[in-house]
PDB file of N, CA and C in Angstrom:
ATOM      1  N   MET A   1     -13.360   3.638 -18.688  1.00  0.00           N
ATOM      2  CA  MET A   1     -11.960   3.979 -18.912  1.00  0.00           C
ATOM      3  C   MET A   1     -11.877   5.206 -19.777  1.00  0.00           C
ATOM      4  N   GLU A   2     -11.031   6.103 -19.406  1.00  0.00           N
ATOM      5  CA  GLU A   2     -10.829   7.342 -20.180  1.00  0.00           C
ATOM      6  C   GLU A   2      -9.507   7.253 -20.957  1.00  0.00           C
ATOM      7  N   VAL A   3      -9.588   7.520 -22.221  1.00  0.00           N
ATOM      8  CA  VAL A   3      -8.412   7.486 -23.099  1.00  0.00           C
ATOM      9  C   VAL A   3      -7.998   8.899 -23.408  1.00  0.00           C
ATOM     10  N   LYS A   4      -6.729   9.185 -23.277  1.00  0.00           N
ATOM     11  CA  LYS A   4      -6.217  10.536 -23.590  1.00  0.00           C
ATOM     12  C   LYS A   4      -5.415  10.459 -24.859  1.00  0.00           C
ATOM     13  N   VAL A   5      -5.601  11.475 -25.708  1.00  0.00           N
ATOM     14  CA  VAL A   5      -4.959  11.519 -27.013  1.00  0.00           C
ATOM     15  C   VAL A   5      -4.300  12.851 -27.214  1.00  0.00           C
ATOM     16  N   CYS A   6      -3.093  12.843 -27.799  1.00  0.00           N
ATOM     17  CA  CYS A   6      -2.446  14.081 -28.196  1.00  0.00           C
ATOM     18  C   CYS A   6      -2.292  14.067 -29.702  1.00  0.00           C
ATOM     19  N   PHE A   7      -2.668  15.160 -30.337  1.00  0.00           N
ATOM     20  CA  PHE A   7      -2.479  15.314 -31.771  1.00  0.00           C
ATOM     21  C   PHE A   7      -1.162  16.047 -32.013  1.00  0.00           C
ATOM     22  N   ILE A   8      -0.362  15.508 -32.930  1.00  0.00           N
ATOM     23  CA  ILE A   8       0.916  16.148 -33.281  1.00  0.00           C
ATOM     24  C   ILE A   8       0.892  16.370 -34.786  1.00  0.00           C
ATOM     25  N   THR A   9       1.108  17.618 -35.207  1.00  0.00           N
ATOM     26  CA  THR A   9       1.041  17.918 -36.612  1.00  0.00           C
ATOM     27  C   THR A   9       1.990  19.050 -36.967  1.00  0.00           C
ATOM     28  N   ALA A  10       2.355  19.136 -38.233  1.00  0.00           N
ATOM     29  CA  ALA A  10       3.167  20.228 -38.715  1.00  0.00           C
ATOM     30  C   ALA A  10       2.289  21.275 -39.405  1.00  0.00           C
ATOM     31  N   TYR A  11       1.015  21.043 -39.493  1.00  0.00           N
ATOM     32  CA  TYR A  11       0.114  21.904 -40.234  1.00  0.00           C
ATOM     33  C   TYR A  11      -0.847  22.628 -39.316  1.00  0.00           C
ATOM     34  N   GLU A  12      -1.443  23.689 -39.815  1.00  0.00           N
ATOM     35  CA  GLU A  12      -2.448  24.424 -39.059  1.00  0.00           C
ATOM     36  C   GLU A  12      -3.649  23.538 -38.805  1.00  0.00           C
ATOM     37  N   VAL A  13      -4.343  23.815 -37.725  1.00  0.00           N
ATOM     38  CA  VAL A  13      -5.523  23.022 -37.375  1.00  0.00           C
ATOM     39  C   VAL A  13      -6.628  23.273 -38.395  1.00  0.00           C
ATOM     40  N   ASN A  14      -7.162  22.195 -38.944  1.00  0.00           N
ATOM     41  CA  ASN A  14      -8.335  22.324 -39.817  1.00  0.00           C
ATOM     42  C   ASN A  14      -9.523  22.260 -38.875  1.00  0.00           C
ATOM     43  N   TYR A  15     -10.027  23.417 -38.515  1.00  0.00           N
ATOM     44  CA  TYR A  15     -11.065  23.533 -37.498  1.00  0.00           C
ATOM     45  C   TYR A  15     -12.319  22.734 -37.848  1.00  0.00           C
ATOM     46  N   GLN A  16     -12.741  22.785 -39.083  1.00  0.00           N
ATOM     47  CA  GLN A  16     -13.960  22.044 -39.485  1.00  0.00           C
ATOM     48  C   GLN A  16     -13.785  20.533 -39.322  1.00  0.00           C
ATOM     49  N   ALA A  17     -12.620  20.015 -39.664  1.00  0.00           N
ATOM     50  CA  ALA A  17     -12.370  18.583 -39.517  1.00  0.00           C
ATOM     51  C   ALA A  17     -12.364  18.196 -38.052  1.00  0.00           C
ATOM     52  N   LEU A  18     -11.755  19.009 -37.207  1.00  0.00           N
ATOM     53  CA  LEU A  18     -11.751  18.717 -35.754  1.00  0.00           C
ATOM     54  C   LEU A  18     -13.170  18.809 -35.182  1.00  0.00           C
ATOM     55  N   ARG A  19     -13.969  19.752 -35.665  1.00  0.00           N
ATOM     56  CA  ARG A  19     -15.345  19.877 -35.173  1.00  0.00           C
ATOM     57  C   ARG A  19     -16.137  18.606 -35.519  1.00  0.00           C
ATOM     58  N   ALA A  20     -15.847  17.985 -36.657  1.00  0.00           N
ATOM     59  CA  ALA A  20     -16.546  16.776 -37.030  1.00  0.00           C
ATOM     60  C   ALA A  20     -16.186  15.612 -36.085  1.00  0.00           C
ATOM     61  N   VAL A  21     -14.939  15.613 -35.633  1.00  0.00           N
ATOM     62  CA  VAL A  21     -14.503  14.542 -34.726  1.00  0.00           C
ATOM     63  C   VAL A  21     -14.913  14.855 -33.268  1.00  0.00           C
ATOM     64  N   PHE A  22     -14.912  16.144 -32.902  1.00  0.00           N
ATOM     65  CA  PHE A  22     -15.238  16.580 -31.540  1.00  0.00           C
ATOM     66  C   PHE A  22     -16.402  17.549 -31.596  1.00  0.00           C
ATOM     67  N   PRO A  23     -17.616  17.093 -31.848  1.00  0.00           N
ATOM     68  CA  PRO A  23     -18.747  18.007 -32.031  1.00  0.00           C
ATOM     69  C   PRO A  23     -19.073  18.848 -30.793  1.00  0.00           C
ATOM     70  N   ALA A  24     -18.722  18.405 -29.601  1.00  0.00           N
ATOM     71  CA  ALA A  24     -19.030  19.161 -28.382  1.00  0.00           C
ATOM     72  C   ALA A  24     -18.022  20.268 -28.107  1.00  0.00           C
ATOM     73  N   ALA A  25     -16.905  20.285 -28.804  1.00  0.00           N
ATOM     74  CA  ALA A  25     -15.873  21.308 -28.581  1.00  0.00           C
ATOM     75  C   ALA A  25     -16.353  22.641 -29.155  1.00  0.00           C
ATOM     76  N   THR A  26     -16.153  23.700 -28.371  1.00  0.00           N
ATOM     77  CA  THR A  26     -16.536  25.019 -28.851  1.00  0.00           C
ATOM     78  C   THR A  26     -15.324  25.797 -29.369  1.00  0.00           C
ATOM     79  N   THR A  27     -14.123  25.399 -28.906  1.00  0.00           N
ATOM     80  CA  THR A  27     -12.875  26.010 -29.396  1.00  0.00           C
ATOM     81  C   THR A  27     -11.851  24.901 -29.557  1.00  0.00           C
ATOM     82  N   THR A  28     -10.727  25.215 -30.212  1.00  0.00           N
ATOM     83  CA  THR A  28      -9.678  24.197 -30.312  1.00  0.00           C
ATOM     84  C   THR A  28      -9.079  23.876 -28.958  1.00  0.00           C
ATOM     85  N   ASP A  29      -9.204  24.803 -27.990  1.00  0.00           N
ATOM     86  CA  ASP A  29      -8.728  24.525 -26.628  1.00  0.00           C
ATOM     87  C   ASP A  29      -9.510  23.399 -25.957  1.00  0.00           C
ATOM     88  N   ASP A  30     -10.767  23.258 -26.349  1.00  0.00           N
ATOM     89  CA  ASP A  30     -11.618  22.197 -25.769  1.00  0.00           C
ATOM     90  C   ASP A  30     -11.232  20.816 -26.259  1.00  0.00           C
ATOM     91  N   ILE A  31     -10.478  20.749 -27.342  1.00  0.00           N
ATOM     92  CA  ILE A  31     -10.095  19.465 -27.906  1.00  0.00           C
ATOM     93  C   ILE A  31      -9.073  18.768 -27.018  1.00  0.00           C
ATOM     94  N   GLY A  32      -8.237  19.511 -26.357  1.00  0.00           N
ATOM     95  CA  GLY A  32      -7.245  18.897 -25.485  1.00  0.00           C
ATOM     96  C   GLY A  32      -5.840  19.095 -25.984  1.00  0.00           C
ATOM     97  N   CYS A  33      -5.104  18.038 -25.984  1.00  0.00           N
ATOM     98  CA  CYS A  33      -3.672  18.097 -26.271  1.00  0.00           C
ATOM     99  C   CYS A  33      -3.447  18.183 -27.783  1.00  0.00           C
ATOM    100  N   PHE A  34      -2.986  19.301 -28.233  1.00  0.00           N
ATOM    101  CA  PHE A  34      -2.690  19.523 -29.651  1.00  0.00           C
ATOM    102  C   PHE A  34      -1.305  20.132 -29.732  1.00  0.00           C
ATOM    103  N   ILE A  35      -0.372  19.448 -30.320  1.00  0.00           N
ATOM    104  CA  ILE A  35       1.045  19.900 -30.392  1.00  0.00           C
ATOM    105  C   ILE A  35       1.357  20.173 -31.842  1.00  0.00           C
ATOM    106  N   GLN A  36       1.850  21.391 -32.105  1.00  0.00           N
ATOM    107  CA  GLN A  36       2.201  21.728 -33.477  1.00  0.00           C
ATOM    108  C   GLN A  36       3.737  21.716 -33.619  1.00  0.00           C
ATOM    109  N   LYS A  37       4.237  20.986 -34.621  1.00  0.00           N
ATOM    110  CA  LYS A  37       5.667  20.948 -34.892  1.00  0.00           C
ATOM    111  C   LYS A  37       6.101  22.212 -35.571  1.00  0.00           C
ATOM    112  N   PRO A  38       7.319  22.663 -35.458  1.00  0.00           N
ATOM    113  CA  PRO A  38       8.363  22.040 -34.625  1.00  0.00           C
ATOM    114  C   PRO A  38       8.068  22.330 -33.155  1.00  0.00           C
ATOM    115  N   VAL A  39       8.442  21.378 -32.312  1.00  0.00           N
ATOM    116  CA  VAL A  39       8.238  21.541 -30.874  1.00  0.00           C
ATOM    117  C   VAL A  39       9.543  21.197 -30.151  1.00  0.00           C
ATOM    118  N   ASP A  40       9.858  22.004 -29.201  1.00  0.00           N
ATOM    119  CA  ASP A  40      11.034  21.772 -28.352  1.00  0.00           C
ATOM    120  C   ASP A  40      10.762  20.534 -27.484  1.00  0.00           C
ATOM    121  N   VAL A  41      11.777  19.727 -27.236  1.00  0.00           N
ATOM    122  CA  VAL A  41      11.635  18.510 -26.466  1.00  0.00           C
ATOM    123  C   VAL A  41      11.050  18.785 -25.087  1.00  0.00           C
ATOM    124  N   ASP A  42      11.538  19.860 -24.415  1.00  0.00           N
ATOM    125  CA  ASP A  42      11.020  20.191 -23.084  1.00  0.00           C
ATOM    126  C   ASP A  42       9.536  20.555 -23.162  1.00  0.00           C
ATOM    127  N   ASP A  43       9.096  21.302 -24.187  1.00  0.00           N
ATOM    128  CA  ASP A  43       7.691  21.640 -24.327  1.00  0.00           C
ATOM    129  C   ASP A  43       6.852  20.396 -24.623  1.00  0.00           C
ATOM    130  N   PHE A  44       7.401  19.486 -25.425  1.00  0.00           N
ATOM    131  CA  PHE A  44       6.717  18.239 -25.730  1.00  0.00           C
ATOM    132  C   PHE A  44       6.455  17.455 -24.454  1.00  0.00           C
ATOM    133  N   ILE A  45       7.469  17.343 -23.611  1.00  0.00           N
ATOM    134  CA  ILE A  45       7.339  16.615 -22.340  1.00  0.00           C
ATOM    135  C   ILE A  45       6.328  17.283 -21.442  1.00  0.00           C
ATOM    136  N   LYS A  46       6.303  18.612 -21.408  1.00  0.00           N
ATOM    137  CA  LYS A  46       5.320  19.364 -20.575  1.00  0.00           C
ATOM    138  C   LYS A  46       3.905  19.065 -21.028  1.00  0.00           C
ATOM    139  N   HIS A  47       3.672  19.028 -22.366  1.00  0.00           N
ATOM    140  CA  HIS A  47       2.332  18.735 -22.889  1.00  0.00           C
ATOM    141  C   HIS A  47       1.892  17.340 -22.470  1.00  0.00           C
ATOM    142  N   ILE A  48       2.778  16.366 -22.600  1.00  0.00           N
ATOM    143  CA  ILE A  48       2.416  14.980 -22.266  1.00  0.00           C
ATOM    144  C   ILE A  48       2.175  14.847 -20.756  1.00  0.00           C
ATOM    145  N   GLU A  49       3.051  15.426 -19.956  1.00  0.00           N
ATOM    146  CA  GLU A  49       2.864  15.355 -18.502  1.00  0.00           C
ATOM    147  C   GLU A  49       1.556  15.996 -18.068  1.00  0.00           C
ATOM    148  N   ALA A  50       1.185  17.114 -18.703  1.00  0.00           N
ATOM    149  CA  ALA A  50      -0.062  17.791 -18.364  1.00  0.00           C
ATOM    150  C   ALA A  50      -1.265  16.932 -18.718  1.00  0.00           C
ATOM    151  N   GLU A  51      -1.197  16.223 -19.798  1.00  0.00           N
ATOM    152  CA  GLU A  51      -2.286  15.322 -20.179  1.00  0.00           C
ATOM    153  C   GLU A  51      -2.428  14.100 -19.250  1.00  0.00           C
ATOM    154  N   LEU A  52      -1.315  13.663 -18.716  1.00  0.00           N
ATOM    155  CA  LEU A  52      -1.349  12.488 -17.845  1.00  0.00           C
ATOM    156  C   LEU A  52      -1.838  12.794 -16.411  1.00  0.00           C
ATOM    157  N   ARG A  53      -1.916  14.053 -16.095  1.00  0.00           N
ATOM    158  CA  ARG A  53      -2.409  14.441 -14.730  1.00  0.00           C
ATOM    159  C   ARG A  53      -3.891  14.287 -14.663  1.00  0.00           C
TER     160      ARG A  53
END
C-alpha cells in the first residue's frame, strides 16, 4: 500500500530536516506535495488532486 502525504506549513522548508526524513530525495521537489501558506483554495485543491492521481 502506498501512502501519500502533503506537508502544509507557513514557514520556509528546513532542507536538512526534510533530508533526514527523506534521505533519497535530491531536491525538495523529490519530496512530493509541499504546500506553503498562505495558499489559495483553488491552488490547495489542485495540489491535493495532483497527489491523488
